[in-house]
Amino acid sequence: MPDQLFPGVFCLMAPSLDRPTKICAVCGRPFQWRRKWKDVWDEVRYCSERCRRRRGTTAAKPSS
């Protein structure tokens, strides 16, 4: 337990299960809400700056 490792330290962030998620339009991976996106969450489509730059290309996915 983290509280046993660092007594008296409190976690200020909400548990990750409480945050909304979306699927990245480029890589297809799920990503979670971030505080810096709080005002534009409805407009966010990409999980990272790398995916935003690659938005015009299609990601090669291995077929299994």
Foldseek 3Di string as FASTA:
>chain_A
DVCVVPPPDDDPDDPQVPFDWDAAPAPRHIDTDDPVCVVPVVPDRHRDPVCVVCVVPHDDDDDD
